[in-house]
Every structure is written in structure tokens, then in C-alpha cells.
Amino acid sequence: MPDWLGYLVGWIGIAFGLLVAPPQLIKILKTKSSNDISFLTYLALCLALVCYLLHAIYIHSVVFITAQAVNLTTNLAIFIVLLRHRRMNNATT
């Protein structure tokens, strides 16, 4: 596979990856509900993304650094919203 094709596939993967988490975040913010979302799943996902990002930095891969930074940012936002909703639910009960 030519190098340019490998990079192109990587950037296309980033574009598709960007389509995954934002709709979840938007839905949580619009409905103000995160009851059906697993806190532990997002905790594990954020930890995995940190590891992927550190590895991407280690191997100096711009495509993977970009992908992991964007994914981590979006999923961390979801995780923070989950934390806030948990605190609000615990405060009202």
C-alpha cells in the first residue's frame, strides 16, 4: 500500500470516528438524562483513549495523535457530564 493511501485511510477513519461520540453528548445535553449510560464504560473508554494517545505520541503518528486527542476530548466531555448528572441525582435523593 502506498504511504499516501495509508494516511488517507487513517484520516477517513478519523472522520468516521468523529461521528460517533458527538451525537451521544448532544443527546445527553438535550434530554438532560444520562441514566441509561454506563459510568464504568466511559471511565474505561477514557483510560483506554489516554493510553492510545500516549502510544500515538510515542510512535510520532500525526494521524493517531489527532484521532485520539479528538476522541479523548469528546468522550471526556461525556464522562464529565455523566459525573455531574450522578452528583445531581445523588444530591436530590
PDB file of N, CA and C in Angstrom:
ATOM      1  N   MET A   1       0.857  -1.181   0.000  1.00  0.00           N
ATOM      2  CA  MET A   1       0.000   0.000   0.000  1.00  0.00           C
ATOM      3  C   MET A   1       0.895   1.234   0.000  1.00  0.00           C
ATOM      4  N   PRO A   2       0.633   2.170  -0.881  1.00  0.00           N
ATOM      5  CA  PRO A   2       1.421   3.411  -0.883  1.00  0.00           C
ATOM      6  C   PRO A   2       1.200   4.203   0.411  1.00  0.00           C
ATOM      7  N   ASP A   3       2.220   4.935   0.825  1.00  0.00           N
ATOM      8  CA  ASP A   3       2.120   5.727   2.055  1.00  0.00           C
ATOM      9  C   ASP A   3       0.936   6.683   2.028  1.00  0.00           C
ATOM     10  N   TRP A   4       0.718   7.363   0.906  1.00  0.00           N
ATOM     11  CA  TRP A   4      -0.366   8.336   0.819  1.00  0.00           C
ATOM     12  C   TRP A   4      -1.716   7.682   1.048  1.00  0.00           C
ATOM     13  N   LEU A   5      -1.855   6.432   0.578  1.00  0.00           N
ATOM     14  CA  LEU A   5      -3.121   5.726   0.755  1.00  0.00           C
ATOM     15  C   LEU A   5      -3.327   5.352   2.220  1.00  0.00           C
ATOM     16  N   GLY A   6      -2.248   4.951   2.872  1.00  0.00           N
ATOM     17  CA  GLY A   6      -2.324   4.642   4.301  1.00  0.00           C
ATOM     18  C   GLY A   6      -2.752   5.848   5.116  1.00  0.00           C
ATOM     19  N   TYR A   7      -2.168   7.008   4.812  1.00  0.00           N
ATOM     20  CA  TYR A   7      -2.557   8.232   5.509  1.00  0.00           C
ATOM     21  C   TYR A   7      -4.003   8.615   5.208  1.00  0.00           C
ATOM     22  N   LEU A   8      -4.403   8.472   3.936  1.00  0.00           N
ATOM     23  CA  LEU A   8      -5.770   8.802   3.551  1.00  0.00           C
ATOM     24  C   LEU A   8      -6.775   7.933   4.311  1.00  0.00           C
ATOM     25  N   VAL A   9      -6.506   6.658   4.399  1.00  0.00           N
ATOM     26  CA  VAL A   9      -7.384   5.749   5.137  1.00  0.00           C
ATOM     27  C   VAL A   9      -7.441   6.157   6.615  1.00  0.00           C
ATOM     28  N   GLY A  10      -6.310   6.534   7.176  1.00  0.00           N
ATOM     29  CA  GLY A  10      -6.270   6.987   8.570  1.00  0.00           C
ATOM     30  C   GLY A  10      -7.118   8.227   8.794  1.00  0.00           C
ATOM     31  N   TRP A  11      -7.011   9.205   7.904  1.00  0.00           N
ATOM     32  CA  TRP A  11      -7.791  10.440   8.045  1.00  0.00           C
ATOM     33  C   TRP A  11      -9.281  10.179   7.832  1.00  0.00           C
ATOM     34  N   ILE A  12      -9.608   9.260   6.921  1.00  0.00           N
ATOM     35  CA  ILE A  12     -11.021   8.887   6.732  1.00  0.00           C
ATOM     36  C   ILE A  12     -11.546   8.224   8.002  1.00  0.00           C
ATOM     37  N   GLY A  13     -10.722   7.394   8.626  1.00  0.00           N
ATOM     38  CA  GLY A  13     -11.096   6.771   9.901  1.00  0.00           C
ATOM     39  C   GLY A  13     -11.371   7.803  10.978  1.00  0.00           C
ATOM     40  N   ILE A  14     -10.558   8.843  11.022  1.00  0.00           N
ATOM     41  CA  ILE A  14     -10.780   9.924  11.983  1.00  0.00           C
ATOM     42  C   ILE A  14     -12.134  10.576  11.728  1.00  0.00           C
ATOM     43  N   ALA A  15     -12.434  10.831  10.463  1.00  0.00           N
ATOM     44  CA  ALA A  15     -13.708  11.473  10.119  1.00  0.00           C
ATOM     45  C   ALA A  15     -14.884  10.626  10.596  1.00  0.00           C
ATOM     46  N   PHE A  16     -14.825   9.316  10.374  1.00  0.00           N
ATOM     47  CA  PHE A  16     -15.898   8.445  10.846  1.00  0.00           C
ATOM     48  C   PHE A  16     -15.935   8.394  12.370  1.00  0.00           C
ATOM     49  N   GLY A  17     -14.766   8.385  12.986  1.00  0.00           N
ATOM     50  CA  GLY A  17     -14.691   8.364  14.441  1.00  0.00           C
ATOM     51  C   GLY A  17     -15.306   9.601  15.068  1.00  0.00           C
ATOM     52  N   LEU A  18     -15.195  10.719  14.367  1.00  0.00           N
ATOM     53  CA  LEU A  18     -15.780  11.961  14.866  1.00  0.00           C
ATOM     54  C   LEU A  18     -17.297  11.919  14.872  1.00  0.00           C
ATOM     55  N   LEU A  19     -17.868  11.019  14.124  1.00  0.00           N
ATOM     56  CA  LEU A  19     -19.322  10.929  14.037  1.00  0.00           C
ATOM     57  C   LEU A  19     -19.930  10.091  15.161  1.00  0.00           C
ATOM     58  N   VAL A  20     -19.115   9.446  15.975  1.00  0.00           N
ATOM     59  CA  VAL A  20     -19.623   8.509  16.971  1.00  0.00           C
ATOM     60  C   VAL A  20     -20.048   9.190  18.276  1.00  0.00           C
ATOM     61  N   ALA A  21     -19.146   9.871  18.945  1.00  0.00           N
ATOM     62  CA  ALA A  21     -19.427  10.392  20.279  1.00  0.00           C
ATOM     63  C   ALA A  21     -20.260  11.682  20.314  1.00  0.00           C
ATOM     64  N   PRO A  22     -20.068  12.632  19.389  1.00  0.00           N
ATOM     65  CA  PRO A  22     -20.839  13.882  19.499  1.00  0.00           C
ATOM     66  C   PRO A  22     -22.357  13.693  19.563  1.00  0.00           C
ATOM     67  N   PRO A  23     -22.963  12.796  18.786  1.00  0.00           N
ATOM     68  CA  PRO A  23     -24.415  12.629  18.926  1.00  0.00           C
ATOM     69  C   PRO A  23     -24.825  12.183  20.331  1.00  0.00           C
ATOM     70  N   GLN A  24     -24.003  11.348  20.967  1.00  0.00           N
ATOM     71  CA  GLN A  24     -24.298  10.909  22.333  1.00  0.00           C
ATOM     72  C   GLN A  24     -24.251  12.094  23.284  1.00  0.00           C
ATOM     73  N   LEU A  25     -23.223  12.917  23.154  1.00  0.00           N
ATOM     74  CA  LEU A  25     -23.082  14.097  24.000  1.00  0.00           C
ATOM     75  C   LEU A  25     -24.253  15.061  23.785  1.00  0.00           C
ATOM     76  N   ILE A  26     -24.619  15.295  22.543  1.00  0.00           N
ATOM     77  CA  ILE A  26     -25.736  16.193  22.235  1.00  0.00           C
ATOM     78  C   ILE A  26     -27.032  15.659  22.839  1.00  0.00           C
ATOM     79  N   LYS A  27     -27.260  14.355  22.727  1.00  0.00           N
ATOM     80  CA  LYS A  27     -28.482  13.758  23.281  1.00  0.00           C
ATOM     81  C   LYS A  27     -28.532  13.919  24.799  1.00  0.00           C
ATOM     82  N   ILE A  28     -27.410  13.690  25.455  1.00  0.00           N
ATOM     83  CA  ILE A  28     -27.357  13.837  26.917  1.00  0.00           C
ATOM     84  C   ILE A  28     -27.675  15.282  27.310  1.00  0.00           C
ATOM     85  N   LEU A  29     -27.083  16.233  26.600  1.00  0.00           N
ATOM     86  CA  LEU A  29     -27.281  17.639  26.932  1.00  0.00           C
ATOM     87  C   LEU A  29     -28.717  18.092  26.640  1.00  0.00           C
ATOM     88  N   LYS A  30     -29.291  17.611  25.547  1.00  0.00           N
ATOM     89  CA  LYS A  30     -30.671  17.999  25.202  1.00  0.00           C
ATOM     90  C   LYS A  30     -31.687  17.399  26.158  1.00  0.00           C
ATOM     91  N   THR A  31     -31.538  16.108  26.451  1.00  0.00           N
ATOM     92  CA  THR A  31     -32.522  15.435  27.299  1.00  0.00           C
ATOM     93  C   THR A  31     -32.241  15.621  28.781  1.00  0.00           C
ATOM     94  N   LYS A  32     -31.021  16.075  29.105  1.00  0.00           N
ATOM     95  CA  LYS A  32     -30.578  16.218  30.495  1.00  0.00           C
ATOM     96  C   LYS A  32     -30.731  14.917  31.259  1.00  0.00           C
ATOM     97  N   SER A  33     -30.501  13.819  30.539  1.00  0.00           N
ATOM     98  CA  SER A  33     -30.594  12.493  31.142  1.00  0.00           C
ATOM     99  C   SER A  33     -29.442  11.618  30.666  1.00  0.00           C
ATOM    100  N   SER A  34     -28.830  10.942  31.623  1.00  0.00           N
ATOM    101  CA  SER A  34     -27.755  10.004  31.292  1.00  0.00           C
ATOM    102  C   SER A  34     -27.950   8.689  32.046  1.00  0.00           C
ATOM    103  N   ASN A  35     -29.187   8.415  32.410  1.00  0.00           N
ATOM    104  CA  ASN A  35     -29.486   7.236  33.220  1.00  0.00           C
ATOM    105  C   ASN A  35     -29.120   5.923  32.549  1.00  0.00           C
ATOM    106  N   ASP A  36     -29.254   5.859  31.226  1.00  0.00           N
ATOM    107  CA  ASP A  36     -29.011   4.602  30.526  1.00  0.00           C
ATOM    108  C   ASP A  36     -27.577   4.444  30.041  1.00  0.00           C
ATOM    109  N   ILE A  37     -26.690   5.308  30.486  1.00  0.00           N
ATOM    110  CA  ILE A  37     -25.304   5.257  30.033  1.00  0.00           C
ATOM    111  C   ILE A  37     -24.423   4.759  31.169  1.00  0.00           C
ATOM    112  N   SER A  38     -23.567   3.815  30.843  1.00  0.00           N
ATOM    113  CA  SER A  38     -22.712   3.194  31.848  1.00  0.00           C
ATOM    114  C   SER A  38     -21.539   4.105  32.211  1.00  0.00           C
ATOM    115  N   PHE A  39     -21.475   4.484  33.475  1.00  0.00           N
ATOM    116  CA  PHE A  39     -20.376   5.289  34.014  1.00  0.00           C
ATOM    117  C   PHE A  39     -19.052   4.537  33.871  1.00  0.00           C
ATOM    118  N   LEU A  40     -19.049   3.255  34.236  1.00  0.00           N
ATOM    119  CA  LEU A  40     -17.812   2.460  34.183  1.00  0.00           C
ATOM    120  C   LEU A  40     -17.317   2.269  32.752  1.00  0.00           C
ATOM    121  N   THR A  41     -18.233   2.151  31.808  1.00  0.00           N
ATOM    122  CA  THR A  41     -17.830   2.007  30.413  1.00  0.00           C
ATOM    123  C   THR A  41     -17.101   3.261  29.944  1.00  0.00           C
ATOM    124  N   TYR A  42     -17.633   4.430  30.270  1.00  0.00           N
ATOM    125  CA  TYR A  42     -16.975   5.669  29.843  1.00  0.00           C
ATOM    126  C   TYR A  42     -15.683   5.908  30.605  1.00  0.00           C
ATOM    127  N   LEU A  43     -15.602   5.485  31.842  1.00  0.00           N
ATOM    128  CA  LEU A  43     -14.341   5.570  32.582  1.00  0.00           C
ATOM    129  C   LEU A  43     -13.280   4.711  31.899  1.00  0.00           C
ATOM    130  N   ALA A  44     -13.624   3.468  31.575  1.00  0.00           N
ATOM    131  CA  ALA A  44     -12.684   2.570  30.904  1.00  0.00           C
ATOM    132  C   ALA A  44     -12.310   3.101  29.521  1.00  0.00           C
ATOM    133  N   LEU A  45     -13.280   3.624  28.801  1.00  0.00           N
ATOM    134  CA  LEU A  45     -13.018   4.174  27.473  1.00  0.00           C
ATOM    135  C   LEU A  45     -12.044   5.346  27.549  1.00  0.00           C
ATOM    136  N   CYS A  46     -12.252   6.249  28.495  1.00  0.00           N
ATOM    137  CA  CYS A  46     -11.353   7.401  28.638  1.00  0.00           C
ATOM    138  C   CYS A  46      -9.942   6.959  29.009  1.00  0.00           C
ATOM    139  N   LEU A  47      -9.831   5.977  29.887  1.00  0.00           N
ATOM    140  CA  LEU A  47      -8.499   5.458  30.246  1.00  0.00           C
ATOM    141  C   LEU A  47      -7.826   4.810  29.041  1.00  0.00           C
ATOM    142  N   ALA A  48      -8.590   4.058  28.258  1.00  0.00           N
ATOM    143  CA  ALA A  48      -8.038   3.431  27.049  1.00  0.00           C
ATOM    144  C   ALA A  48      -7.577   4.502  26.056  1.00  0.00           C
ATOM    145  N   LEU A  49      -8.377   5.549  25.894  1.00  0.00           N
ATOM    146  CA  LEU A  49      -8.011   6.609  24.958  1.00  0.00           C
ATOM    147  C   LEU A  49      -6.760   7.353  25.399  1.00  0.00           C
ATOM    148  N   VAL A  50      -6.572   7.524  26.702  1.00  0.00           N
ATOM    149  CA  VAL A  50      -5.340   8.139  27.201  1.00  0.00           C
ATOM    150  C   VAL A  50      -4.143   7.268  26.819  1.00  0.00           C
ATOM    151  N   CYS A  51      -4.277   5.965  27.015  1.00  0.00           N
ATOM    152  CA  CYS A  51      -3.191   5.041  26.647  1.00  0.00           C
ATOM    153  C   CYS A  51      -2.913   5.073  25.149  1.00  0.00           C
ATOM    154  N   TYR A  52      -3.979   5.065  24.325  1.00  0.00           N
ATOM    155  CA  TYR A  52      -3.804   5.148  22.872  1.00  0.00           C
ATOM    156  C   TYR A  52      -3.115   6.445  22.473  1.00  0.00           C
ATOM    157  N   LEU A  53      -3.505   7.555  23.115  1.00  0.00           N
ATOM    158  CA  LEU A  53      -2.898   8.845  22.801  1.00  0.00           C
ATOM    159  C   LEU A  53      -1.415   8.850  23.171  1.00  0.00           C
ATOM    160  N   LEU A  54      -1.087   8.333  24.342  1.00  0.00           N
ATOM    161  CA  LEU A  54       0.329   8.269  24.743  1.00  0.00           C
ATOM    162  C   LEU A  54       1.138   7.407  23.782  1.00  0.00           C
ATOM    163  N   HIS A  55       0.565   6.310  23.340  1.00  0.00           N
ATOM    164  CA  HIS A  55       1.253   5.449  22.377  1.00  0.00           C
ATOM    165  C   HIS A  55       1.426   6.169  21.036  1.00  0.00           C
ATOM    166  N   ALA A  56       0.397   6.869  20.592  1.00  0.00           N
ATOM    167  CA  ALA A  56       0.481   7.606  19.327  1.00  0.00           C
ATOM    168  C   ALA A  56       1.574   8.672  19.392  1.00  0.00           C
ATOM    169  N   ILE A  57       1.685   9.341  20.536  1.00  0.00           N
ATOM    170  CA  ILE A  57       2.754  10.328  20.722  1.00  0.00           C
ATOM    171  C   ILE A  57       4.103   9.636  20.681  1.00  0.00           C
ATOM    172  N   TYR A  58       4.201   8.489  21.325  1.00  0.00           N
ATOM    173  CA  TYR A  58       5.457   7.733  21.365  1.00  0.00           C
ATOM    174  C   TYR A  58       5.918   7.321  19.966  1.00  0.00           C
ATOM    175  N   ILE A  59       4.970   6.907  19.110  1.00  0.00           N
ATOM    176  CA  ILE A  59       5.357   6.461  17.763  1.00  0.00           C
ATOM    177  C   ILE A  59       5.334   7.606  16.748  1.00  0.00           C
ATOM    178  N   HIS A  60       5.036   8.822  17.200  1.00  0.00           N
ATOM    179  CA  HIS A  60       5.051  10.024  16.355  1.00  0.00           C
ATOM    180  C   HIS A  60       4.108   9.906  15.160  1.00  0.00           C
ATOM    181  N   SER A  61       2.889   9.444  15.399  1.00  0.00           N
ATOM    182  CA  SER A  61       1.908   9.297  14.329  1.00  0.00           C
ATOM    183  C   SER A  61       0.884  10.430  14.405  1.00  0.00           C
ATOM    184  N   VAL A  62       0.995  11.370  13.480  1.00  0.00           N
ATOM    185  CA  VAL A  62       0.114  12.535  13.486  1.00  0.00           C
ATOM    186  C   VAL A  62      -1.341  12.110  13.351  1.00  0.00           C
ATOM    187  N   VAL A  63      -1.601  11.140  12.486  1.00  0.00           N
ATOM    188  CA  VAL A  63      -2.976  10.676  12.287  1.00  0.00           C
ATOM    189  C   VAL A  63      -3.553  10.143  13.594  1.00  0.00           C
ATOM    190  N   PHE A  64      -2.818   9.282  14.276  1.00  0.00           N
ATOM    191  CA  PHE A  64      -3.334   8.690  15.509  1.00  0.00           C
ATOM    192  C   PHE A  64      -3.335   9.673  16.676  1.00  0.00           C
ATOM    193  N   ILE A  65      -2.378  10.578  16.710  1.00  0.00           N
ATOM    194  CA  ILE A  65      -2.388  11.615  17.748  1.00  0.00           C
ATOM    195  C   ILE A  65      -3.661  12.456  17.602  1.00  0.00           C
ATOM    196  N   THR A  66      -3.955  12.870  16.370  1.00  0.00           N
ATOM    197  CA  THR A  66      -5.153  13.668  16.116  1.00  0.00           C
ATOM    198  C   THR A  66      -6.411  12.897  16.494  1.00  0.00           C
ATOM    199  N   ALA A  67      -6.491  11.659  16.025  1.00  0.00           N
ATOM    200  CA  ALA A  67      -7.681  10.836  16.293  1.00  0.00           C
ATOM    201  C   ALA A  67      -7.905  10.656  17.791  1.00  0.00           C
ATOM    202  N   GLN A  68      -6.860  10.297  18.504  1.00  0.00           N
ATOM    203  CA  GLN A  68      -7.016  10.024  19.932  1.00  0.00           C
ATOM    204  C   GLN A  68      -7.280  11.292  20.719  1.00  0.00           C
ATOM    205  N   ALA A  69      -6.658  12.393  20.334  1.00  0.00           N
ATOM    206  CA  ALA A  69      -6.905  13.662  21.037  1.00  0.00           C
ATOM    207  C   ALA A  69      -8.359  14.096  20.874  1.00  0.00           C
ATOM    208  N   VAL A  70      -8.881  13.993  19.655  1.00  0.00           N
ATOM    209  CA  VAL A  70     -10.270  14.382  19.406  1.00  0.00           C
ATOM    210  C   VAL A  70     -11.221  13.428  20.127  1.00  0.00           C
ATOM    211  N   ASN A  71     -10.976  12.128  20.009  1.00  0.00           N
ATOM    212  CA  ASN A  71     -11.839  11.148  20.682  1.00  0.00           C
ATOM    213  C   ASN A  71     -11.803  11.309  22.194  1.00  0.00           C
ATOM    214  N   LEU A  72     -10.615  11.525  22.730  1.00  0.00           N
ATOM    215  CA  LEU A  72     -10.494  11.701  24.172  1.00  0.00           C
ATOM    216  C   LEU A  72     -11.245  12.951  24.630  1.00  0.00           C
ATOM    217  N   THR A  73     -11.112  14.034  23.904  1.00  0.00           N
ATOM    218  CA  THR A  73     -11.790  15.278  24.265  1.00  0.00           C
ATOM    219  C   THR A  73     -13.309  15.089  24.292  1.00  0.00           C
ATOM    220  N   THR A  74     -13.838  14.482  23.237  1.00  0.00           N
ATOM    221  CA  THR A  74     -15.284  14.292  23.151  1.00  0.00           C
ATOM    222  C   THR A  74     -15.792  13.340  24.226  1.00  0.00           C
ATOM    223  N   ASN A  75     -15.102  12.224  24.401  1.00  0.00           N
ATOM    224  CA  ASN A  75     -15.553  11.236  25.380  1.00  0.00           C
ATOM    225  C   ASN A  75     -15.322  11.704  26.809  1.00  0.00           C
ATOM    226  N   LEU A  76     -14.307  12.518  27.025  1.00  0.00           N
ATOM    227  CA  LEU A  76     -14.097  13.107  28.345  1.00  0.00           C
ATOM    228  C   LEU A  76     -15.227  14.082  28.676  1.00  0.00           C
ATOM    229  N   ALA A  77     -15.708  14.801  27.673  1.00  0.00           N
ATOM    230  CA  ALA A  77     -16.850  15.696  27.893  1.00  0.00           C
ATOM    231  C   ALA A  77     -18.075  14.885  28.319  1.00  0.00           C
ATOM    232  N   ILE A  78     -18.301  13.757  27.654  1.00  0.00           N
ATOM    233  CA  ILE A  78     -19.422  12.885  28.033  1.00  0.00           C
ATOM    234  C   ILE A  78     -19.224  12.389  29.458  1.00  0.00           C
ATOM    235  N   PHE A  79     -18.023  11.971  29.794  1.00  0.00           N
ATOM    236  CA  PHE A  79     -17.723  11.461  31.138  1.00  0.00           C
ATOM    237  C   PHE A  79     -17.973  12.535  32.195  1.00  0.00           C
ATOM    238  N   ILE A  80     -17.576  13.775  31.911  1.00  0.00           N
ATOM    239  CA  ILE A  80     -17.782  14.869  32.864  1.00  0.00           C
ATOM    240  C   ILE A  80     -19.275  15.131  33.057  1.00  0.00           C
ATOM    241  N   VAL A  81     -20.027  15.092  31.968  1.00  0.00           N
ATOM    242  CA  VAL A  81     -21.481  15.273  32.079  1.00  0.00           C
ATOM    243  C   VAL A  81     -22.085  14.141  32.902  1.00  0.00           C
ATOM    244  N   LEU A  82     -21.608  12.909  32.687  1.00  0.00           N
ATOM    245  CA  LEU A  82     -22.089  11.777  33.486  1.00  0.00           C
ATOM    246  C   LEU A  82     -21.810  11.994  34.975  1.00  0.00           C
ATOM    247  N   LEU A  83     -20.620  12.482  35.287  1.00  0.00           N
ATOM    248  CA  LEU A  83     -20.270  12.773  36.686  1.00  0.00           C
ATOM    249  C   LEU A  83     -21.206  13.823  37.282  1.00  0.00           C
ATOM    250  N   ARG A  84     -21.461  14.883  36.522  1.00  0.00           N
ATOM    251  CA  ARG A  84     -22.351  15.949  37.013  1.00  0.00           C
ATOM    252  C   ARG A  84     -23.759  15.422  37.245  1.00  0.00           C
ATOM    253  N   HIS A  85     -24.258  14.614  36.316  1.00  0.00           N
ATOM    254  CA  HIS A  85     -25.605  14.056  36.467  1.00  0.00           C
ATOM    255  C   HIS A  85     -25.676  13.130  37.678  1.00  0.00           C
ATOM    256  N   ARG A  86     -24.615  12.359  37.901  1.00  0.00           N
ATOM    257  CA  ARG A  86     -24.585  11.482  39.077  1.00  0.00           C
ATOM    258  C   ARG A  86     -24.638  12.290  40.357  1.00  0.00           C
ATOM    259  N   ARG A  87     -23.844  13.368  40.405  1.00  0.00           N
ATOM    260  CA  ARG A  87     -23.828  14.227  41.604  1.00  0.00           C
ATOM    261  C   ARG A  87     -25.189  14.862  41.842  1.00  0.00           C
ATOM    262  N   MET A  88     -25.821  15.350  40.772  1.00  0.00           N
ATOM    263  CA  MET A  88     -27.131  15.977  40.920  1.00  0.00           C
ATOM    264  C   MET A  88     -28.165  14.954  41.366  1.00  0.00           C
ATOM    265  N   ASN A  89     -28.105  13.747  40.818  1.00  0.00           N
ATOM    266  CA  ASN A  89     -29.059  12.695  41.215  1.00  0.00           C
ATOM    267  C   ASN A  89     -28.845  12.278  42.659  1.00  0.00           C
ATOM    268  N   ASN A  90     -27.592  12.206  43.098  1.00  0.00           N
ATOM    269  CA  ASN A  90     -27.311  11.827  44.486  1.00  0.00           C
ATOM    270  C   ASN A  90     -27.711  12.940  45.451  1.00  0.00           C
ATOM    271  N   ALA A  91     -27.601  14.178  45.015  1.00  0.00           N
ATOM    272  CA  ALA A  91     -27.970  15.308  45.880  1.00  0.00           C
ATOM    273  C   ALA A  91     -29.482  15.411  46.069  1.00  0.00           C
ATOM    274  N   THR A  92     -30.249  14.956  45.084  1.00  0.00           N
ATOM    275  CA  THR A  92     -31.694  15.082  45.178  1.00  0.00           C
ATOM    276  C   THR A  92     -32.350  13.873  45.846  1.00  0.00           C
ATOM    277  N   THR A  93     -31.601  12.815  46.063  1.00  0.00           N
ATOM    278  CA  THR A  93     -32.188  11.623  46.706  1.00  0.00           C
ATOM    279  C   THR A  93     -31.848  11.544  48.159  1.00  0.00           C
TER     280      THR A  93
END
